[in-house]
Amino acid sequence: MCSGKTTLGRALEQVADVTYIDLDDMIVEEQGMSVSEIFTARGEDVFRSLEADALARVARLENVVVGCGGGTACNPANMELMNGCGTTVLLEARRDRLLVRLLEGRARRPLIASLTDEEVERAMERGLAQRKVHYERAANRFDSSLLETPDEVAGTVELFIKKFNLQRKI
């Protein structure tokens, strides 16, 4: 959560020859419910099933950058699919940046919406520790710490395009 997937993906779509797909947004559109509403009404297991189905569909597309939710990689079948179909990139932001982003967006995140600042920080650390083994299955790493200002976003996008040899829009 809050590694910068959406910010980076949307910025890449503007300058590179790719379409950005946010897996959560895709599920929300198809289900007619927010992620929070799906979690509350139908449970996390149902959400994860919807997520795996959506991922399987986008894996067949070309020239896409897919932003996966923080838990997507925790399903071994999802990681196998992603590594087999495309270039997987673990976005790694500094802990202080992650915490600020989490605190600012807490209301939109069902797993942390009702937590205090201290509880959010503990949950972040616990979540990163629990998910580390799954995240490390990504083939590549990329620093996503600098995405707070337009200049930082532009610089990060340039680095990403160069590192992953993306084609620019004409």
N, C-alpha and C. Protein backbone atom coordinates (compact mmCIF):
# COMPACT_ATOMS: atom_id res chain seq x y z
N MET A 1 0.83 -1.19 0.00
CA MET A 1 0.00 0.00 0.00
C MET A 1 0.87 1.24 0.00
N CYS A 2 0.47 2.21 -0.80
CA CYS A 2 1.08 3.53 -0.83
C CYS A 2 2.51 3.57 -1.35
N SER A 3 2.88 2.58 -2.14
CA SER A 3 4.23 2.59 -2.71
C SER A 3 4.34 3.53 -3.90
N GLY A 4 3.21 4.02 -4.40
CA GLY A 4 3.22 4.94 -5.53
C GLY A 4 2.77 4.33 -6.84
N LYS A 5 2.15 3.17 -6.78
CA LYS A 5 1.74 2.48 -8.00
C LYS A 5 0.84 3.34 -8.88
N THR A 6 -0.18 3.93 -8.29
CA THR A 6 -1.14 4.71 -9.06
C THR A 6 -0.50 5.98 -9.62
N THR A 7 0.22 6.69 -8.78
CA THR A 7 0.87 7.92 -9.23
C THR A 7 1.84 7.63 -10.37
N LEU A 8 2.68 6.64 -10.21
CA LEU A 8 3.66 6.29 -11.24
C LEU A 8 2.97 5.74 -12.48
N GLY A 9 1.99 4.88 -12.31
CA GLY A 9 1.29 4.29 -13.45
C GLY A 9 0.58 5.33 -14.30
N ARG A 10 -0.12 6.23 -13.65
CA ARG A 10 -0.82 7.29 -14.41
C ARG A 10 0.17 8.21 -15.12
N ALA A 11 1.28 8.52 -14.47
CA ALA A 11 2.28 9.38 -15.10
C ALA A 11 2.95 8.67 -16.28
N LEU A 12 3.21 7.39 -16.14
CA LEU A 12 3.79 6.62 -17.25
C LEU A 12 2.86 6.60 -18.45
N GLU A 13 1.58 6.46 -18.20
CA GLU A 13 0.59 6.42 -19.28
C GLU A 13 0.61 7.72 -20.09
N GLN A 14 0.95 8.82 -19.45
CA GLN A 14 0.97 10.10 -20.14
C GLN A 14 2.13 10.24 -21.12
N VAL A 15 3.27 9.59 -20.82
CA VAL A 15 4.47 9.81 -21.64
C VAL A 15 4.98 8.57 -22.36
N ALA A 16 4.62 7.41 -21.86
CA ALA A 16 5.10 6.16 -22.48
C ALA A 16 3.97 5.51 -23.26
N ASP A 17 4.34 4.62 -24.16
CA ASP A 17 3.36 3.93 -25.00
C ASP A 17 2.77 2.74 -24.24
N VAL A 18 2.09 3.05 -23.12
CA VAL A 18 1.47 2.03 -22.28
C VAL A 18 0.12 2.54 -21.81
N THR A 19 -0.73 1.60 -21.46
CA THR A 19 -1.99 1.91 -20.80
C THR A 19 -1.85 1.48 -19.36
N TYR A 20 -2.24 2.35 -18.45
CA TYR A 20 -2.19 2.01 -17.03
C TYR A 20 -3.53 1.42 -16.60
N ILE A 21 -3.46 0.29 -15.93
CA ILE A 21 -4.65 -0.36 -15.38
C ILE A 21 -4.44 -0.54 -13.88
N ASP A 22 -5.31 0.06 -13.11
CA ASP A 22 -5.30 -0.12 -11.66
C ASP A 22 -6.25 -1.28 -11.36
N LEU A 23 -5.72 -2.35 -10.84
CA LEU A 23 -6.52 -3.55 -10.60
C LEU A 23 -7.69 -3.27 -9.66
N ASP A 24 -7.45 -2.49 -8.60
CA ASP A 24 -8.54 -2.16 -7.68
C ASP A 24 -9.63 -1.37 -8.39
N ASP A 25 -9.25 -0.38 -9.21
CA ASP A 25 -10.24 0.41 -9.93
C ASP A 25 -11.06 -0.47 -10.88
N MET A 26 -10.41 -1.43 -11.50
CA MET A 26 -11.09 -2.34 -12.40
C MET A 26 -12.16 -3.14 -11.64
N ILE A 27 -11.80 -3.63 -10.47
CA ILE A 27 -12.73 -4.41 -9.65
C ILE A 27 -13.88 -3.53 -9.18
N VAL A 28 -13.57 -2.32 -8.74
CA VAL A 28 -14.60 -1.39 -8.28
C VAL A 28 -15.61 -1.11 -9.39
N GLU A 29 -15.10 -0.85 -10.58
CA GLU A 29 -15.99 -0.57 -11.72
C GLU A 29 -16.88 -1.77 -12.03
N GLU A 30 -16.29 -2.94 -12.04
CA GLU A 30 -17.05 -4.15 -12.38
C GLU A 30 -18.07 -4.53 -11.30
N GLN A 31 -17.72 -4.30 -10.04
CA GLN A 31 -18.59 -4.72 -8.94
C GLN A 31 -19.59 -3.65 -8.52
N GLY A 32 -19.33 -2.40 -8.93
CA GLY A 32 -20.21 -1.32 -8.52
C GLY A 32 -20.15 -1.02 -7.04
N MET A 33 -19.02 -1.38 -6.43
CA MET A 33 -18.81 -1.16 -5.00
C MET A 33 -17.36 -0.74 -4.80
N SER A 34 -17.09 0.07 -3.78
CA SER A 34 -15.71 0.42 -3.46
C SER A 34 -15.01 -0.80 -2.85
N VAL A 35 -13.69 -0.75 -2.80
CA VAL A 35 -12.94 -1.84 -2.18
C VAL A 35 -13.39 -1.99 -0.73
N SER A 36 -13.55 -0.88 -0.02
CA SER A 36 -14.01 -0.92 1.37
C SER A 36 -15.37 -1.61 1.48
N GLU A 37 -16.27 -1.28 0.56
CA GLU A 37 -17.60 -1.89 0.59
C GLU A 37 -17.53 -3.38 0.30
N ILE A 38 -16.67 -3.78 -0.63
CA ILE A 38 -16.51 -5.21 -0.92
C ILE A 38 -15.99 -5.94 0.31
N PHE A 39 -14.96 -5.36 0.95
CA PHE A 39 -14.40 -5.97 2.16
C PHE A 39 -15.48 -6.13 3.23
N THR A 40 -16.26 -5.06 3.44
CA THR A 40 -17.28 -5.06 4.49
C THR A 40 -18.44 -6.01 4.17
N ALA A 41 -18.95 -5.92 2.96
CA ALA A 41 -20.15 -6.69 2.60
C ALA A 41 -19.86 -8.14 2.25
N ARG A 42 -18.72 -8.37 1.61
CA ARG A 42 -18.47 -9.71 1.07
C ARG A 42 -17.23 -10.39 1.64
N GLY A 43 -16.36 -9.63 2.30
CA GLY A 43 -15.19 -10.20 2.95
C GLY A 43 -13.94 -10.15 2.08
N GLU A 44 -12.81 -10.27 2.75
CA GLU A 44 -11.52 -10.21 2.05
C GLU A 44 -11.34 -11.37 1.10
N ASP A 45 -11.79 -12.56 1.46
CA ASP A 45 -11.62 -13.72 0.58
C ASP A 45 -12.30 -13.51 -0.78
N VAL A 46 -13.49 -12.93 -0.76
CA VAL A 46 -14.20 -12.65 -2.02
C VAL A 46 -13.42 -11.61 -2.81
N PHE A 47 -12.95 -10.57 -2.13
CA PHE A 47 -12.17 -9.55 -2.83
C PHE A 47 -10.94 -10.17 -3.48
N ARG A 48 -10.22 -11.03 -2.76
CA ARG A 48 -9.00 -11.64 -3.31
C ARG A 48 -9.31 -12.53 -4.51
N SER A 49 -10.47 -13.17 -4.50
CA SER A 49 -10.89 -13.97 -5.65
C SER A 49 -11.17 -13.08 -6.86
N LEU A 50 -11.87 -11.97 -6.63
CA LEU A 50 -12.13 -11.01 -7.70
C LEU A 50 -10.81 -10.45 -8.25
N GLU A 51 -9.88 -10.21 -7.36
CA GLU A 51 -8.57 -9.67 -7.72
C GLU A 51 -7.80 -10.66 -8.61
N ALA A 52 -7.80 -11.92 -8.24
CA ALA A 52 -7.10 -12.94 -9.03
C ALA A 52 -7.72 -13.07 -10.42
N ASP A 53 -9.04 -13.01 -10.49
CA ASP A 53 -9.74 -13.08 -11.78
C ASP A 53 -9.39 -11.88 -12.65
N ALA A 54 -9.41 -10.68 -12.08
CA ALA A 54 -9.08 -9.48 -12.85
C ALA A 54 -7.63 -9.53 -13.33
N LEU A 55 -6.73 -10.00 -12.49
CA LEU A 55 -5.32 -10.11 -12.86
C LEU A 55 -5.14 -11.08 -14.03
N ALA A 56 -5.84 -12.19 -13.99
CA ALA A 56 -5.75 -13.16 -15.08
C ALA A 56 -6.19 -12.55 -16.41
N ARG A 57 -7.19 -11.69 -16.35
CA ARG A 57 -7.66 -11.05 -17.58
C ARG A 57 -6.68 -10.01 -18.10
N VAL A 58 -6.13 -9.19 -17.22
CA VAL A 58 -5.20 -8.16 -17.70
C VAL A 58 -3.86 -8.75 -18.12
N ALA A 59 -3.54 -9.93 -17.61
CA ALA A 59 -2.27 -10.58 -17.97
C ALA A 59 -2.22 -10.93 -19.45
N ARG A 60 -3.37 -11.00 -20.10
CA ARG A 60 -3.43 -11.33 -21.53
C ARG A 60 -3.24 -10.10 -22.42
N LEU A 61 -3.22 -8.92 -21.83
CA LEU A 61 -3.12 -7.68 -22.61
C LEU A 61 -1.66 -7.32 -22.88
N GLU A 62 -1.45 -6.49 -23.89
CA GLU A 62 -0.10 -6.01 -24.22
C GLU A 62 0.00 -4.52 -23.98
N ASN A 63 1.23 -4.07 -23.76
CA ASN A 63 1.52 -2.65 -23.54
C ASN A 63 0.71 -2.05 -22.40
N VAL A 64 0.67 -2.78 -21.32
CA VAL A 64 -0.02 -2.28 -20.13
C VAL A 64 0.95 -2.25 -18.95
N VAL A 65 0.70 -1.31 -18.08
CA VAL A 65 1.33 -1.27 -16.76
C VAL A 65 0.18 -1.48 -15.79
N VAL A 66 0.32 -2.48 -14.94
CA VAL A 66 -0.76 -2.85 -14.03
C VAL A 66 -0.34 -2.53 -12.60
N GLY A 67 -1.17 -1.74 -11.94
CA GLY A 67 -0.96 -1.45 -10.53
C GLY A 67 -1.77 -2.43 -9.71
N CYS A 68 -1.08 -3.27 -8.98
CA CYS A 68 -1.74 -4.29 -8.16
C CYS A 68 -1.84 -3.81 -6.72
N GLY A 69 -2.91 -4.18 -6.06
CA GLY A 69 -3.06 -3.86 -4.65
C GLY A 69 -1.97 -4.53 -3.84
N GLY A 70 -1.77 -4.03 -2.63
CA GLY A 70 -0.70 -4.53 -1.77
C GLY A 70 -0.76 -6.01 -1.47
N GLY A 71 -1.95 -6.60 -1.51
CA GLY A 71 -2.08 -8.02 -1.20
C GLY A 71 -2.04 -8.94 -2.40
N THR A 72 -2.05 -8.38 -3.60
CA THR A 72 -2.10 -9.21 -4.81
C THR A 72 -0.94 -10.21 -4.87
N ALA A 73 0.24 -9.75 -4.55
CA ALA A 73 1.44 -10.59 -4.65
C ALA A 73 1.48 -11.69 -3.60
N CYS A 74 0.62 -11.60 -2.59
CA CYS A 74 0.63 -12.61 -1.53
C CYS A 74 0.01 -13.93 -1.96
N ASN A 75 -0.67 -13.93 -3.08
CA ASN A 75 -1.21 -15.16 -3.64
C ASN A 75 -0.12 -15.72 -4.58
N PRO A 76 0.48 -16.86 -4.22
CA PRO A 76 1.56 -17.40 -5.06
C PRO A 76 1.18 -17.59 -6.52
N ALA A 77 -0.07 -17.95 -6.79
CA ALA A 77 -0.51 -18.12 -8.17
C ALA A 77 -0.48 -16.78 -8.91
N ASN A 78 -0.83 -15.70 -8.21
CA ASN A 78 -0.77 -14.37 -8.83
C ASN A 78 0.66 -14.02 -9.21
N MET A 79 1.60 -14.25 -8.31
CA MET A 79 2.99 -13.92 -8.61
C MET A 79 3.54 -14.78 -9.74
N GLU A 80 3.15 -16.04 -9.77
CA GLU A 80 3.59 -16.92 -10.86
C GLU A 80 3.06 -16.39 -12.20
N LEU A 81 1.82 -16.00 -12.21
CA LEU A 81 1.21 -15.44 -13.42
C LEU A 81 1.93 -14.16 -13.84
N MET A 82 2.13 -13.25 -12.91
CA MET A 82 2.77 -11.98 -13.23
C MET A 82 4.19 -12.18 -13.74
N ASN A 83 4.96 -13.02 -13.07
CA ASN A 83 6.34 -13.26 -13.50
C ASN A 83 6.39 -13.98 -14.84
N GLY A 84 5.38 -14.78 -15.14
CA GLY A 84 5.36 -15.50 -16.40
C GLY A 84 4.87 -14.68 -17.58
N CYS A 85 4.11 -13.63 -17.31
CA CYS A 85 3.49 -12.85 -18.39
C CYS A 85 4.11 -11.49 -18.63
N GLY A 86 4.90 -11.02 -17.70
CA GLY A 86 5.40 -9.66 -17.87
C GLY A 86 6.61 -9.38 -17.02
N THR A 87 6.94 -8.12 -16.94
CA THR A 87 8.05 -7.65 -16.12
C THR A 87 7.48 -7.21 -14.78
N THR A 88 7.86 -7.89 -13.73
CA THR A 88 7.36 -7.54 -12.41
C THR A 88 8.33 -6.59 -11.74
N VAL A 89 7.76 -5.56 -11.12
CA VAL A 89 8.57 -4.52 -10.48
C VAL A 89 8.02 -4.27 -9.08
N LEU A 90 8.88 -4.43 -8.11
CA LEU A 90 8.54 -4.10 -6.73
C LEU A 90 8.89 -2.64 -6.52
N LEU A 91 7.88 -1.82 -6.26
CA LEU A 91 8.13 -0.41 -5.95
C LEU A 91 8.47 -0.33 -4.47
N GLU A 92 9.63 0.23 -4.19
CA GLU A 92 10.10 0.35 -2.82
C GLU A 92 10.27 1.83 -2.46
N ALA A 93 9.43 2.29 -1.57
CA ALA A 93 9.54 3.66 -1.08
C ALA A 93 10.12 3.63 0.34
N ARG A 94 10.79 4.70 0.70
CA ARG A 94 11.32 4.80 2.06
C ARG A 94 10.17 4.70 3.06
N ARG A 95 10.46 4.14 4.22
CA ARG A 95 9.44 3.93 5.25
C ARG A 95 8.74 5.24 5.64
N ASP A 96 9.50 6.34 5.77
CA ASP A 96 8.87 7.60 6.16
C ASP A 96 7.89 8.08 5.10
N ARG A 97 8.21 7.87 3.82
CA ARG A 97 7.28 8.25 2.75
C ARG A 97 6.03 7.37 2.77
N LEU A 98 6.23 6.07 2.97
CA LEU A 98 5.08 5.16 3.05
C LEU A 98 4.13 5.57 4.17
N LEU A 99 4.69 5.88 5.33
CA LEU A 99 3.85 6.21 6.47
C LEU A 99 3.05 7.48 6.21
N VAL A 100 3.68 8.51 5.66
CA VAL A 100 2.95 9.75 5.36
C VAL A 100 1.83 9.46 4.37
N ARG A 101 2.12 8.71 3.35
CA ARG A 101 1.10 8.38 2.34
C ARG A 101 -0.05 7.59 2.97
N LEU A 102 0.28 6.63 3.82
CA LEU A 102 -0.75 5.83 4.48
C LEU A 102 -1.64 6.70 5.37
N LEU A 103 -1.02 7.57 6.15
CA LEU A 103 -1.79 8.43 7.05
C LEU A 103 -2.69 9.37 6.26
N GLU A 104 -2.19 9.91 5.17
CA GLU A 104 -2.99 10.83 4.36
C GLU A 104 -4.16 10.12 3.67
N GLY A 105 -3.99 8.86 3.30
CA GLY A 105 -5.03 8.14 2.58
C GLY A 105 -5.75 7.09 3.41
N ARG A 106 -5.60 7.15 4.70
CA ARG A 106 -6.13 6.12 5.60
C ARG A 106 -7.62 5.86 5.41
N ALA A 107 -8.41 6.90 5.21
CA ALA A 107 -9.87 6.72 5.11
C ALA A 107 -10.28 5.84 3.93
N ARG A 108 -9.44 5.78 2.89
CA ARG A 108 -9.77 4.99 1.71
C ARG A 108 -9.25 3.55 1.79
N ARG A 109 -8.63 3.20 2.90
CA ARG A 109 -8.00 1.89 3.02
C ARG A 109 -8.67 1.10 4.15
N PRO A 110 -9.47 0.09 3.77
CA PRO A 110 -10.28 -0.60 4.77
C PRO A 110 -9.50 -1.28 5.88
N LEU A 111 -8.30 -1.71 5.61
CA LEU A 111 -7.53 -2.42 6.63
C LEU A 111 -6.96 -1.50 7.70
N ILE A 112 -6.90 -0.19 7.43
CA ILE A 112 -6.30 0.74 8.40
C ILE A 112 -7.19 1.94 8.72
N ALA A 113 -8.37 2.00 8.15
CA ALA A 113 -9.23 3.19 8.25
C ALA A 113 -9.52 3.61 9.69
N SER A 114 -9.67 2.68 10.59
CA SER A 114 -10.06 3.02 11.96
C SER A 114 -8.88 3.05 12.95
N LEU A 115 -7.66 2.94 12.44
CA LEU A 115 -6.50 2.88 13.32
C LEU A 115 -5.94 4.26 13.67
N THR A 116 -5.30 4.37 14.83
CA THR A 116 -4.59 5.59 15.21
C THR A 116 -3.30 5.69 14.40
N ASP A 117 -2.64 6.83 14.45
CA ASP A 117 -1.37 7.00 13.73
C ASP A 117 -0.35 5.93 14.12
N GLU A 118 -0.24 5.68 15.42
CA GLU A 118 0.73 4.69 15.91
C GLU A 118 0.36 3.29 15.45
N GLU A 119 -0.93 3.00 15.45
CA GLU A 119 -1.38 1.69 14.99
C GLU A 119 -1.16 1.53 13.49
N VAL A 120 -1.32 2.61 12.73
CA VAL A 120 -1.05 2.56 11.30
C VAL A 120 0.42 2.23 11.07
N GLU A 121 1.30 2.89 11.82
CA GLU A 121 2.73 2.62 11.65
C GLU A 121 3.06 1.17 12.00
N ARG A 122 2.51 0.67 13.08
CA ARG A 122 2.75 -0.73 13.45
C ARG A 122 2.18 -1.68 12.40
N ALA A 123 1.00 -1.37 11.90
CA ALA A 123 0.38 -2.20 10.86
C ALA A 123 1.21 -2.19 9.59
N MET A 124 1.75 -1.02 9.24
CA MET A 124 2.62 -0.91 8.05
C MET A 124 3.83 -1.81 8.21
N GLU A 125 4.51 -1.71 9.34
CA GLU A 125 5.71 -2.52 9.57
C GLU A 125 5.38 -4.01 9.59
N ARG A 126 4.28 -4.35 10.24
CA ARG A 126 3.85 -5.75 10.30
C ARG A 126 3.50 -6.26 8.91
N GLY A 127 2.77 -5.44 8.16
CA GLY A 127 2.38 -5.84 6.80
C GLY A 127 3.58 -6.02 5.89
N LEU A 128 4.52 -5.09 5.96
CA LEU A 128 5.73 -5.22 5.14
C LEU A 128 6.51 -6.48 5.50
N ALA A 129 6.62 -6.75 6.78
CA ALA A 129 7.35 -7.95 7.22
C ALA A 129 6.64 -9.22 6.75
N GLN A 130 5.32 -9.24 6.86
CA GLN A 130 4.55 -10.43 6.45
C GLN A 130 4.59 -10.64 4.94
N ARG A 131 4.58 -9.55 4.19
CA ARG A 131 4.49 -9.65 2.73
C ARG A 131 5.85 -9.70 2.06
N LYS A 132 6.90 -9.44 2.80
CA LYS A 132 8.25 -9.34 2.21
C LYS A 132 8.61 -10.55 1.36
N VAL A 133 8.34 -11.74 1.86
CA VAL A 133 8.69 -12.95 1.13
C VAL A 133 7.96 -13.02 -0.22
N HIS A 134 6.75 -12.51 -0.27
CA HIS A 134 5.99 -12.51 -1.52
C HIS A 134 6.49 -11.42 -2.46
N TYR A 135 6.69 -10.22 -1.91
CA TYR A 135 7.15 -9.09 -2.72
C TYR A 135 8.51 -9.37 -3.36
N GLU A 136 9.35 -10.07 -2.65
CA GLU A 136 10.70 -10.34 -3.16
C GLU A 136 10.71 -11.29 -4.34
N ARG A 137 9.59 -11.86 -4.68
CA ARG A 137 9.50 -12.70 -5.87
C ARG A 137 9.43 -11.89 -7.16
N ALA A 138 9.23 -10.57 -7.02
CA ALA A 138 9.24 -9.70 -8.20
C ALA A 138 10.64 -9.73 -8.81
N ALA A 139 10.71 -9.70 -10.12
CA ALA A 139 11.98 -9.79 -10.83
C ALA A 139 12.83 -8.53 -10.70
N ASN A 140 12.20 -7.39 -10.44
CA ASN A 140 12.91 -6.11 -10.41
C ASN A 140 12.50 -5.28 -9.21
N ARG A 141 13.38 -4.33 -8.85
CA ARG A 141 13.12 -3.37 -7.78
C ARG A 141 13.23 -1.97 -8.36
N PHE A 142 12.42 -1.05 -7.81
CA PHE A 142 12.50 0.34 -8.26
C PHE A 142 12.13 1.25 -7.10
N ASP A 143 12.94 2.28 -6.88
CA ASP A 143 12.73 3.23 -5.80
C ASP A 143 11.60 4.19 -6.16
N SER A 144 10.53 4.15 -5.39
CA SER A 144 9.38 5.01 -5.64
C SER A 144 9.17 6.04 -4.53
N SER A 145 10.26 6.42 -3.90
CA SER A 145 10.18 7.38 -2.80
C SER A 145 9.85 8.79 -3.25
N LEU A 146 10.26 9.15 -4.46
CA LEU A 146 10.11 10.53 -4.91
C LEU A 146 8.94 10.68 -5.88
N LEU A 147 7.76 10.80 -5.30
CA LEU A 147 6.54 10.96 -6.10
C LEU A 147 5.59 11.99 -5.48
N GLU A 148 6.13 12.89 -4.68
CA GLU A 148 5.25 13.83 -3.97
C GLU A 148 4.97 15.11 -4.75
N THR A 149 5.88 15.55 -5.60
CA THR A 149 5.70 16.80 -6.35
C THR A 149 5.73 16.49 -7.85
N PRO A 150 5.22 17.40 -8.67
CA PRO A 150 5.29 17.16 -10.12
C PRO A 150 6.72 16.94 -10.62
N ASP A 151 7.68 17.67 -10.10
CA ASP A 151 9.07 17.48 -10.52
C ASP A 151 9.60 16.11 -10.10
N GLU A 152 9.26 15.67 -8.91
CA GLU A 152 9.68 14.34 -8.46
C GLU A 152 9.05 13.26 -9.33
N VAL A 153 7.76 13.42 -9.62
CA VAL A 153 7.07 12.43 -10.46
C VAL A 153 7.74 12.37 -11.83
N ALA A 154 8.00 13.51 -12.44
CA ALA A 154 8.62 13.56 -13.77
C ALA A 154 9.99 12.88 -13.75
N GLY A 155 10.78 13.16 -12.74
CA GLY A 155 12.10 12.54 -12.64
C GLY A 155 12.03 11.04 -12.44
N THR A 156 11.10 10.60 -11.60
CA THR A 156 10.93 9.18 -11.35
C THR A 156 10.45 8.46 -12.61
N VAL A 157 9.55 9.08 -13.34
CA VAL A 157 9.06 8.50 -14.60
C VAL A 157 10.21 8.34 -15.58
N GLU A 158 11.05 9.34 -15.70
CA GLU A 158 12.20 9.25 -16.61
C GLU A 158 13.11 8.09 -16.24
N LEU A 159 13.37 7.94 -14.96
CA LEU A 159 14.21 6.83 -14.51
C LEU A 159 13.56 5.48 -14.82
N PHE A 160 12.26 5.38 -14.62
CA PHE A 160 11.54 4.14 -14.88
C PHE A 160 11.58 3.80 -16.36
N ILE A 161 11.32 4.78 -17.22
CA ILE A 161 11.34 4.56 -18.67
C ILE A 161 12.71 4.06 -19.11
N LYS A 162 13.75 4.67 -18.60
CA LYS A 162 15.12 4.25 -18.97
C LYS A 162 15.43 2.86 -18.45
N LYS A 163 15.10 2.60 -17.18
CA LYS A 163 15.43 1.31 -16.58
C LYS A 163 14.73 0.15 -17.28
N PHE A 164 13.47 0.37 -17.70
CA PHE A 164 12.68 -0.73 -18.26
C PHE A 164 12.46 -0.59 -19.76
N ASN A 165 13.23 0.28 -20.39
CA ASN A 165 13.23 0.44 -21.86
C ASN A 165 11.83 0.58 -22.44
N LEU A 166 11.03 1.44 -21.85
CA LEU A 166 9.70 1.68 -22.38
C LEU A 166 9.77 2.63 -23.56
N GLN A 167 8.89 2.44 -24.50
CA GLN A 167 8.81 3.32 -25.66
C GLN A 167 8.01 4.57 -25.27
N ARG A 168 8.46 5.70 -25.74
CA ARG A 168 7.74 6.95 -25.52
C ARG A 168 6.59 7.08 -26.52
N LYS A 169 5.57 7.82 -26.11
CA LYS A 169 4.49 8.13 -27.05
C LYS A 169 5.04 9.02 -28.15
N ILE A 170 4.48 8.87 -29.32
CA ILE A 170 4.93 9.70 -30.46
C ILE A 170 4.17 11.00 -30.45
